[in-house]
């Protein structure tokens, strides 16, 4: 584990907020204090630690001297459990689950559902296909329903949602108004249920929902309908409680339909043709990149969209349209790999919405390393060469496996 101490902004905020229910749990144990008579008092029970044999040992390392506690890289906080044993109604949420995981848009949607559910309702998350998410409980899911789905099949998904509607009768349906599938699926479901949805909703308050209209220049307020297509940042994600995320199932099987749409698989797209604001995988280079030919080769091998810092753009290594940051393009990639970027404030602002940030840098104390979810301390050239070798090895193994399957198929036939 890295020795770099990383900040936990949420834990720091709870430690400052004396009215928060978890405030006392984050306070350091007071080892000594000044008594009313001016005598220094010490907590004799707090000195030392329990050894592996259950025997109390005295700490002579100096860590506990003077009442100072050692900073830890991460504070484990047990959030209070929110339980709804007999929900009066359900708020159904159908997240996009791009890549099998909850996106920031999905978490905002679950936060909005939690507001609509209140104390009596339960949030029912309907997930299609294989899920890799393990944090449904902390995202605000009370009931979890997983349904089978293969590829692009909106007609079959609508039939499945109709079965959910018949069994659970949700008070509201919430879907993300996005281009990842939620916008289309929500409109198809509205047509099937005969409901008039509220689209591009960014706020619900006092029984009124407010949505964007007029190319985003006007707001339209209306009564909260049964089906809502919400925009990003429609509500604060759930962060104060953890939920049960109990698994539920449909009582009846969904009748398969004869699809009128055939899914022929994904279409290969040139990563360089993808706009920076829409790219999901970005490999960005900065002043620390010494071999730009190797950088372009790595981006091609990984299938990543190329980006750059302001310094790299000013030096002429990349075009201005590839600049990432507040002075360039704000990106929302699921994976952002920064090679040789120290992390200026405007660059960190531009990648604030990225889900996962990987930093490759020689300086372990730079701001990009502190921001990153995964850090690689080393020479960027060596790391890029290792990445290319790993990708080529993986592709070679995959092609050999496919060849063996093709050879075995005629024999078994």
Protein backbone atom coordinates (compact mmCIF):
# COMPACT_ATOMS: atom_id res chain seq x y z
CA UNK A 1 0.00 0.00 0.00
CA UNK A 2 1.28 3.49 -0.79
CA UNK A 3 2.52 5.68 2.04
CA UNK A 4 1.01 8.75 0.43
CA UNK A 5 -1.66 10.21 2.71
CA UNK A 6 -4.78 10.99 0.75
CA UNK A 7 -7.44 13.40 1.90
CA UNK A 8 -11.02 12.38 2.47
CA UNK A 9 -13.05 15.59 1.93
CA UNK A 10 -16.25 14.04 3.20
CA UNK A 11 -14.63 12.81 6.43
CA UNK A 12 -13.08 16.24 6.97
CA UNK A 13 -16.47 17.88 6.48
CA UNK A 14 -18.10 15.53 9.00
CA UNK A 15 -15.29 16.23 11.48
CA UNK A 16 -16.00 19.96 11.20
CA UNK A 17 -19.78 19.61 11.43
CA UNK A 18 -20.62 19.14 15.12
CA UNK A 19 -24.30 18.48 14.32
CA UNK A 20 -23.55 15.50 12.08
CA UNK A 21 -24.46 12.10 13.63
CA UNK A 22 -21.00 10.71 12.76
CA UNK A 23 -19.10 13.70 14.14
CA UNK A 24 -18.10 11.99 17.41
CA UNK A 25 -16.84 8.88 15.62
CA UNK A 26 -14.28 10.90 13.64
CA UNK A 27 -12.83 12.77 16.60
CA UNK A 28 -9.34 11.65 17.73
CA UNK A 29 -9.09 10.07 21.15
CA UNK A 30 -7.91 12.65 23.68
CA UNK A 31 -4.90 11.26 25.51
CA UNK A 32 -4.11 14.24 27.78
CA UNK A 33 -5.82 17.45 28.82
CA UNK A 34 -5.46 20.26 31.30
CA UNK A 35 -7.57 19.86 34.41
CA UNK A 36 -9.46 22.64 36.21
CA UNK A 37 -6.64 23.04 38.77
CA UNK A 38 -3.94 23.44 36.14
CA UNK A 39 -2.76 19.83 36.47
CA UNK A 40 -2.09 17.87 33.26
CA UNK A 41 -4.29 14.79 33.18
CA UNK A 42 -3.55 11.68 31.11
CA UNK A 43 -5.79 8.89 29.93
CA UNK A 44 -3.90 5.81 31.13
CA UNK A 45 -6.29 3.51 29.32
CA UNK A 46 -5.54 5.12 25.98
CA UNK A 47 -1.79 4.64 26.10
CA UNK A 48 -0.46 1.68 24.14
CA UNK A 49 -2.16 -0.85 21.92
CA UNK A 50 -3.43 -4.43 21.99
CA UNK A 51 -0.89 -6.87 20.57
CA UNK A 52 -1.61 -9.97 18.49
CA UNK A 53 -1.69 -12.12 21.64
CA UNK A 54 -4.30 -9.94 23.32
CA UNK A 55 -1.74 -8.34 25.64
CA UNK A 56 -1.65 -4.58 25.97
CA UNK A 57 1.65 -3.08 24.82
CA UNK A 58 3.09 0.37 25.45
CA UNK A 59 3.74 2.40 22.35
CA UNK A 60 7.30 3.77 22.50
CA UNK A 61 7.40 4.99 18.90
CA UNK A 62 6.38 8.50 19.92
CA UNK A 63 3.18 8.44 17.90
CA UNK A 64 0.91 8.73 20.95
CA UNK A 65 3.08 11.18 22.84
CA UNK A 66 1.48 14.54 23.48
CA UNK A 67 -1.96 13.33 22.55
CA UNK A 68 -1.24 13.38 18.81
CA UNK A 69 -2.76 10.64 16.77
CA UNK A 70 -1.26 9.36 13.56
CA UNK A 71 -2.98 10.41 10.39
CA UNK A 72 -4.46 7.58 8.43
CA UNK A 73 -4.93 7.48 4.71
CA UNK A 74 -8.57 6.45 4.99
CA UNK A 75 -11.18 6.70 7.71
CA UNK A 76 -13.63 3.83 7.84
CA UNK A 77 -17.07 5.20 8.66
CA UNK A 78 -20.06 2.98 9.32
CA UNK A 79 -23.04 4.84 7.90
CA UNK A 80 -26.44 4.44 9.58
CA UNK A 81 -28.61 1.77 7.97
CA UNK A 82 -31.84 2.93 6.31
CA UNK A 83 -34.43 0.13 6.33
CA UNK A 84 -37.90 -0.02 4.80
CA UNK A 85 -39.33 -3.41 5.85
CA UNK A 86 -42.84 -2.75 4.45
CA UNK A 87 -42.72 0.04 1.87
CA UNK A 88 -45.94 1.92 1.24
CA UNK A 89 -44.92 2.51 -2.38
CA UNK A 90 -41.96 2.14 -4.72
CA UNK A 91 -39.89 4.61 -6.71
CA UNK A 92 -38.55 2.67 -9.69
CA UNK A 93 -35.17 3.70 -11.11
CA UNK A 94 -33.65 2.29 -14.31
CA UNK A 95 -29.98 3.37 -14.38
CA UNK A 96 -27.86 3.35 -17.53
CA UNK A 97 -25.15 1.17 -15.94
CA UNK A 98 -22.60 1.97 -18.64
CA UNK A 99 -19.86 -0.63 -18.36
CA UNK A 100 -21.86 -2.47 -15.71
CA UNK A 101 -21.31 0.24 -13.08
CA UNK A 102 -23.23 3.19 -11.70
CA UNK A 103 -22.23 6.47 -13.29
CA UNK A 104 -22.40 9.87 -11.61
CA UNK A 105 -25.65 10.49 -13.50
CA UNK A 106 -27.09 7.25 -12.12
CA UNK A 107 -26.12 8.22 -8.57
CA UNK A 108 -27.78 11.62 -8.97
CA UNK A 109 -30.92 9.82 -10.16
CA UNK A 110 -30.89 7.54 -7.11
CA UNK A 111 -30.50 10.60 -4.90
CA UNK A 112 -33.59 12.11 -6.52
CA UNK A 113 -35.48 8.85 -6.02
CA UNK A 114 -34.49 8.83 -2.35
CA UNK A 115 -35.99 12.31 -1.98
CA UNK A 116 -39.27 11.21 -3.58
CA UNK A 117 -39.41 8.02 -1.51
CA UNK A 118 -39.06 9.75 1.85
CA UNK A 119 -39.36 7.59 4.94
CA UNK A 120 -42.28 5.40 3.80
CA UNK A 121 -41.27 4.51 0.23
CA UNK A 122 -38.52 2.30 -1.12
CA UNK A 123 -36.20 2.85 -4.07
CA UNK A 124 -36.40 -0.04 -6.54
CA UNK A 125 -33.45 -0.24 -8.94
CA UNK A 126 -34.06 -2.22 -12.15
CA UNK A 127 -30.77 -3.32 -13.73
CA UNK A 128 -30.48 -4.98 -17.13
CA UNK A 129 -27.68 -7.37 -18.04
CA UNK A 130 -24.52 -8.18 -16.15
CA UNK A 131 -23.65 -5.83 -13.29
CA UNK A 132 -20.19 -5.20 -11.87
CA UNK A 133 -21.38 -2.69 -9.30
CA UNK A 134 -20.80 -3.51 -5.63
CA UNK A 135 -21.96 -0.24 -4.03
CA UNK A 136 -25.72 -0.35 -4.54
CA UNK A 137 -26.23 -0.11 -0.78
CA UNK A 138 -24.33 3.15 -0.38
CA UNK A 139 -25.89 4.57 -3.56
CA UNK A 140 -29.39 4.50 -2.05
CA UNK A 141 -30.95 1.26 -3.39
CA UNK A 142 -33.52 -0.38 -1.10
CA UNK A 143 -34.62 -3.14 -3.51
CA UNK A 144 -32.59 -4.49 -6.43
CA UNK A 145 -34.12 -6.27 -9.42
CA UNK A 146 -31.74 -7.71 -12.01
CA UNK A 147 -33.15 -8.72 -15.39
CA UNK A 148 -31.52 -10.53 -18.28
CA UNK A 149 -30.78 -8.53 -21.39
CA UNK A 150 -28.49 -9.22 -24.32
CA UNK A 151 -27.22 -6.38 -26.45
CA UNK A 152 -29.50 -3.68 -27.79
CA UNK A 153 -33.06 -4.88 -27.22
CA UNK A 154 -35.29 -1.93 -26.22
CA UNK A 155 -38.53 -3.71 -27.15
CA UNK A 156 -37.80 -6.64 -24.84
CA UNK A 157 -36.69 -4.24 -22.10
CA UNK A 158 -39.97 -2.34 -22.34
CA UNK A 159 -41.86 -5.62 -21.90
CA UNK A 160 -39.77 -6.37 -18.82
CA UNK A 161 -40.49 -2.93 -17.38
CA UNK A 162 -44.20 -3.44 -18.04
CA UNK A 163 -43.98 -6.64 -15.97
CA UNK A 164 -42.27 -4.66 -13.20
CA UNK A 165 -45.01 -2.04 -13.41
CA UNK A 166 -47.73 -4.69 -13.08
CA UNK A 167 -46.13 -6.33 -10.04
CA UNK A 168 -44.74 -3.41 -8.01
CA UNK A 169 -46.94 -0.53 -9.31
CA UNK A 170 -44.29 2.17 -8.75
CA UNK A 171 -45.48 5.62 -7.78
CA UNK A 172 -42.85 7.16 -10.06
CA UNK A 173 -40.54 5.91 -12.79
CA UNK A 174 -37.13 7.61 -12.99
CA UNK A 175 -34.74 7.20 -15.93
CA UNK A 176 -31.69 9.23 -16.93
CA UNK A 177 -32.29 11.54 -19.87
CA UNK A 178 -29.02 10.53 -21.51
CA UNK A 179 -27.68 9.25 -24.80
CA UNK A 180 -26.48 6.03 -23.15
CA UNK A 181 -29.90 4.41 -23.53
CA UNK A 182 -31.94 5.89 -20.72
CA UNK A 183 -33.47 8.66 -22.81
CA UNK A 184 -34.69 6.31 -25.54
CA UNK A 185 -35.86 3.61 -23.13
CA UNK A 186 -37.75 6.17 -21.04
CA UNK A 187 -39.63 7.54 -24.05
CA UNK A 188 -40.47 4.03 -25.24
CA UNK A 189 -41.75 3.13 -21.77
CA UNK A 190 -43.84 6.32 -21.63
CA UNK A 191 -45.48 5.47 -24.95
CA UNK A 192 -46.16 1.92 -23.77
CA UNK A 193 -47.68 3.02 -20.44
CA UNK A 194 -49.59 5.92 -21.96
CA UNK A 195 -47.84 8.41 -19.69
CA UNK A 196 -46.62 11.88 -20.60
CA UNK A 197 -43.07 12.15 -19.25
CA UNK A 198 -41.24 15.18 -17.93
CA UNK A 199 -37.90 15.42 -19.75
CA UNK A 200 -34.58 17.05 -18.88
CA UNK A 201 -35.71 17.51 -15.29
CA UNK A 202 -33.09 19.14 -13.08
CA UNK A 203 -35.10 19.93 -9.95
CA UNK A 204 -38.12 18.62 -8.03
CA UNK A 205 -39.42 20.76 -5.20
CA UNK A 206 -42.79 21.33 -3.52
CA UNK A 207 -44.63 18.98 -5.87
CA UNK A 208 -43.26 20.72 -8.96
CA UNK A 209 -40.61 19.47 -11.35
CA UNK A 210 -38.52 21.86 -13.39
CA UNK A 211 -37.07 20.82 -16.74
CA UNK A 212 -34.95 22.48 -19.39
CA UNK A 213 -36.56 23.67 -22.59
CA UNK A 214 -35.83 26.02 -25.46
CA UNK A 215 -32.36 24.68 -26.19
CA UNK A 216 -31.57 24.86 -22.50
CA UNK A 217 -32.38 28.58 -22.23
CA UNK A 218 -35.76 28.26 -20.51
CA UNK A 219 -37.27 26.27 -17.65
CA UNK A 220 -40.66 24.58 -17.69
CA UNK A 221 -42.36 23.86 -14.35
CA UNK A 222 -45.17 21.34 -14.05
CA UNK A 223 -46.72 18.95 -11.57
CA UNK A 224 -44.60 15.89 -10.91
CA UNK A 225 -45.71 13.22 -13.43
CA UNK A 226 -45.44 9.47 -12.98
CA UNK A 227 -42.53 9.13 -15.43
CA UNK A 228 -39.51 11.41 -15.12
CA UNK A 229 -36.46 11.65 -17.37
CA UNK A 230 -33.90 13.48 -15.25
CA UNK A 231 -30.79 15.33 -16.33
CA UNK A 232 -27.39 15.07 -14.70
CA UNK A 233 -26.98 16.80 -11.32
CA UNK A 234 -30.73 16.64 -10.72
CA UNK A 235 -30.11 15.95 -7.03
CA UNK A 236 -27.34 15.26 -4.56
CA UNK A 237 -26.30 11.59 -4.49
CA UNK A 238 -26.98 9.61 -1.33
CA UNK A 239 -24.03 9.93 1.04
CA UNK A 240 -25.43 10.01 4.59
CA UNK A 241 -26.98 6.54 4.80
CA UNK A 242 -26.50 3.00 3.59
CA UNK A 243 -29.40 0.92 2.36
CA UNK A 244 -30.30 -2.77 2.32
CA UNK A 245 -30.29 -3.36 -1.46
CA UNK A 246 -32.41 -6.48 -1.00
CA UNK A 247 -32.70 -8.64 -4.11
CA UNK A 248 -36.23 -9.14 -5.48
CA UNK A 249 -37.55 -11.12 -8.43
CA UNK A 250 -40.49 -11.01 -10.78
CA UNK A 251 -43.31 -13.36 -9.86
CA UNK A 252 -44.01 -14.17 -13.51
CA UNK A 253 -41.70 -14.74 -16.45
CA UNK A 254 -41.45 -12.07 -19.13
CA UNK A 255 -42.90 -13.21 -22.43
CA UNK A 256 -40.25 -12.88 -25.17
CA UNK A 257 -41.16 -10.80 -28.17
CA UNK A 258 -40.22 -11.03 -31.82
CA UNK A 259 -37.79 -8.14 -32.18
CA UNK A 260 -38.09 -5.79 -35.11
CA UNK A 261 -34.60 -4.45 -34.36
CA UNK A 262 -31.56 -6.67 -34.86
CA UNK A 263 -28.41 -5.99 -32.88
CA UNK A 264 -25.42 -6.63 -35.15
CA UNK A 265 -22.87 -5.67 -32.52
CA UNK A 266 -20.76 -2.64 -31.80
CA UNK A 267 -19.42 -0.54 -34.65
CA UNK A 268 -15.72 0.23 -34.58
CA UNK A 269 -15.14 3.97 -34.27
CA UNK A 270 -11.91 5.87 -34.69
CA UNK A 271 -11.07 7.25 -31.22
CA UNK A 272 -9.57 10.36 -32.82
CA UNK A 273 -12.98 11.20 -34.31
CA UNK A 274 -14.71 11.19 -30.93
CA UNK A 275 -15.15 14.69 -29.42
CA UNK A 276 -13.24 15.20 -26.20
CA UNK A 277 -16.39 15.99 -24.23
CA UNK A 278 -17.98 12.66 -25.25
CA UNK A 279 -14.96 10.34 -24.99
CA UNK A 280 -15.12 7.63 -22.32
CA UNK A 281 -11.45 6.64 -22.39
CA UNK A 282 -8.82 9.40 -22.67
CA UNK A 283 -5.04 9.14 -22.70
CA UNK A 284 -3.69 12.61 -21.98
CA UNK A 285 -0.08 13.74 -22.18
CA UNK A 286 1.72 16.64 -20.56
CA UNK A 287 5.13 18.18 -20.16
CA UNK A 288 6.54 14.91 -18.85
CA UNK A 289 6.02 13.07 -22.16
CA UNK A 290 9.37 12.87 -23.96
CA UNK A 291 8.46 10.54 -26.82
CA UNK A 292 5.24 11.70 -28.51
CA UNK A 293 5.50 9.05 -31.22
CA UNK A 294 5.33 6.42 -28.49
CA UNK A 295 2.42 8.31 -26.92
CA UNK A 296 0.40 8.19 -30.16
CA UNK A 297 1.24 4.51 -30.58
CA UNK A 298 0.04 3.76 -27.05
CA UNK A 299 -3.23 5.62 -27.61
CA UNK A 300 -3.81 3.63 -30.81
CA UNK A 301 -3.04 0.33 -29.07
CA UNK A 302 -5.38 1.10 -26.17
CA UNK A 303 -8.12 2.54 -28.39
CA UNK A 304 -8.11 5.74 -26.36
CA UNK A 305 -8.93 9.30 -27.37
CA UNK A 306 -5.89 11.56 -27.15
CA UNK A 307 -5.81 14.60 -24.89
CA UNK A 308 -3.16 17.01 -23.68
CA UNK A 309 -2.40 19.58 -21.04
CA UNK A 310 -2.08 23.29 -21.80
CA UNK A 311 1.72 23.12 -21.74
CA UNK A 312 1.79 20.34 -24.35
CA UNK A 313 -0.62 22.30 -26.55
CA UNK A 314 1.37 25.52 -26.22
CA UNK A 315 4.53 23.65 -27.18
CA UNK A 316 2.84 22.46 -30.38
CA UNK A 317 2.71 18.73 -29.63
CA UNK A 318 -1.10 18.58 -29.78
CA UNK A 319 -3.86 20.68 -31.32
CA UNK A 320 -5.84 23.21 -29.33
CA UNK A 321 -8.98 21.07 -29.69
CA UNK A 322 -7.24 18.36 -27.61
CA UNK A 323 -6.58 20.59 -24.61
CA UNK A 324 -8.18 19.33 -21.40
CA UNK A 325 -9.07 21.67 -18.56
CA UNK A 326 -11.05 24.74 -17.63
CA UNK A 327 -9.27 26.68 -20.39
CA UNK A 328 -9.88 23.84 -22.88
CA UNK A 329 -12.51 21.06 -22.78
CA UNK A 330 -14.29 19.74 -19.71
CA UNK A 331 -14.26 15.95 -20.01
CA UNK A 332 -16.48 13.30 -18.42
CA UNK A 333 -14.51 10.15 -19.26
CA UNK A 334 -15.00 6.95 -17.33
CA UNK A 335 -11.22 6.42 -17.40
CA UNK A 336 -8.74 9.27 -17.71
CA UNK A 337 -5.02 8.42 -17.90
CA UNK A 338 -2.67 11.36 -17.32
CA UNK A 339 0.94 10.84 -18.44
CA UNK A 340 3.48 13.39 -17.27
CA UNK A 341 0.87 15.92 -16.10
CA UNK A 342 1.61 17.65 -12.81
CA UNK A 343 -1.99 18.76 -12.27
CA UNK A 344 -2.54 22.51 -12.61
CA UNK A 345 -5.73 23.80 -11.03
CA UNK A 346 -7.47 24.45 -14.37
CA UNK A 347 -6.60 20.92 -15.54
CA UNK A 348 -7.97 19.35 -12.36
CA UNK A 349 -11.17 21.34 -12.80
CA UNK A 350 -11.58 19.99 -16.32
CA UNK A 351 -11.34 16.34 -15.18
CA UNK A 352 -13.48 16.75 -12.07
CA UNK A 353 -16.35 14.73 -13.57
CA UNK A 354 -14.19 11.74 -14.60
CA UNK A 355 -15.01 8.48 -12.82
CA UNK A 356 -11.51 7.02 -12.59
CA UNK A 357 -8.22 8.90 -12.96
CA UNK A 358 -4.89 7.11 -13.47
CA UNK A 359 -1.74 9.20 -13.06
CA UNK A 360 1.71 8.28 -14.41
CA UNK A 361 4.36 10.64 -13.06
CA UNK A 362 7.84 10.75 -11.60
CA UNK A 363 6.88 13.21 -8.86
CA UNK A 364 4.95 11.44 -6.07
CA UNK A 365 3.97 14.77 -4.51
CA UNK A 366 2.32 16.43 -7.51
CA UNK A 367 -1.34 17.39 -7.42
CA UNK A 368 -2.31 14.90 -10.13
CA UNK A 369 -1.03 12.01 -7.98
CA UNK A 370 -3.14 13.30 -5.08
CA UNK A 371 -6.22 13.48 -7.30
CA UNK A 372 -5.72 10.09 -8.98
CA UNK A 373 -7.52 6.90 -8.00
CA UNK A 374 -4.52 4.87 -9.19
CA UNK A 375 -0.95 6.20 -9.34
CA UNK A 376 2.11 4.84 -11.11
CA UNK A 377 5.35 6.44 -9.94
CA UNK A 378 7.89 5.97 -12.69
CA UNK A 379 9.16 7.00 -16.09
CA UNK A 380 6.30 7.58 -18.50
CA UNK A 381 8.22 6.15 -21.47
CA UNK A 382 8.84 2.84 -19.72
CA UNK A 383 5.24 2.63 -18.53
CA UNK A 384 3.86 3.29 -22.03
CA UNK A 385 6.13 0.63 -23.52
CA UNK A 386 4.95 -1.84 -20.88
CA UNK A 387 1.32 -0.96 -21.68
CA UNK A 388 1.84 -1.65 -25.38
CA UNK A 389 3.53 -4.97 -24.61
CA UNK A 390 0.71 -5.99 -22.27
CA UNK A 391 -1.96 -5.12 -24.84
CA UNK A 392 -0.18 -7.05 -27.60
CA UNK A 393 0.23 -10.05 -25.33
CA UNK A 394 -3.45 -9.98 -24.37
CA UNK A 395 -4.55 -9.72 -27.99
CA UNK A 396 -2.24 -12.58 -28.97
CA UNK A 397 -3.68 -14.78 -26.24
CA UNK A 398 -7.23 -13.90 -27.26
CA UNK A 399 -6.56 -14.68 -30.92
CA UNK A 400 -4.98 -18.03 -30.04
CA UNK A 401 -7.98 -18.92 -27.89
CA UNK A 402 -10.39 -18.02 -30.70
CA UNK A 403 -8.36 -20.16 -33.13
CA UNK A 404 -8.49 -23.16 -30.83
CA UNK A 405 -12.26 -22.83 -30.51
CA UNK A 406 -12.58 -22.65 -34.29
CA UNK A 407 -10.48 -25.83 -34.67
CA UNK A 408 -12.40 -27.73 -31.99
CA UNK A 409 -15.82 -26.81 -33.41
CA UNK A 410 -15.58 -28.99 -36.59
CA UNK A 411 -14.17 -31.90 -34.59
CA UNK A 412 -17.05 -31.83 -32.13
CA UNK A 413 -19.51 -31.57 -35.02
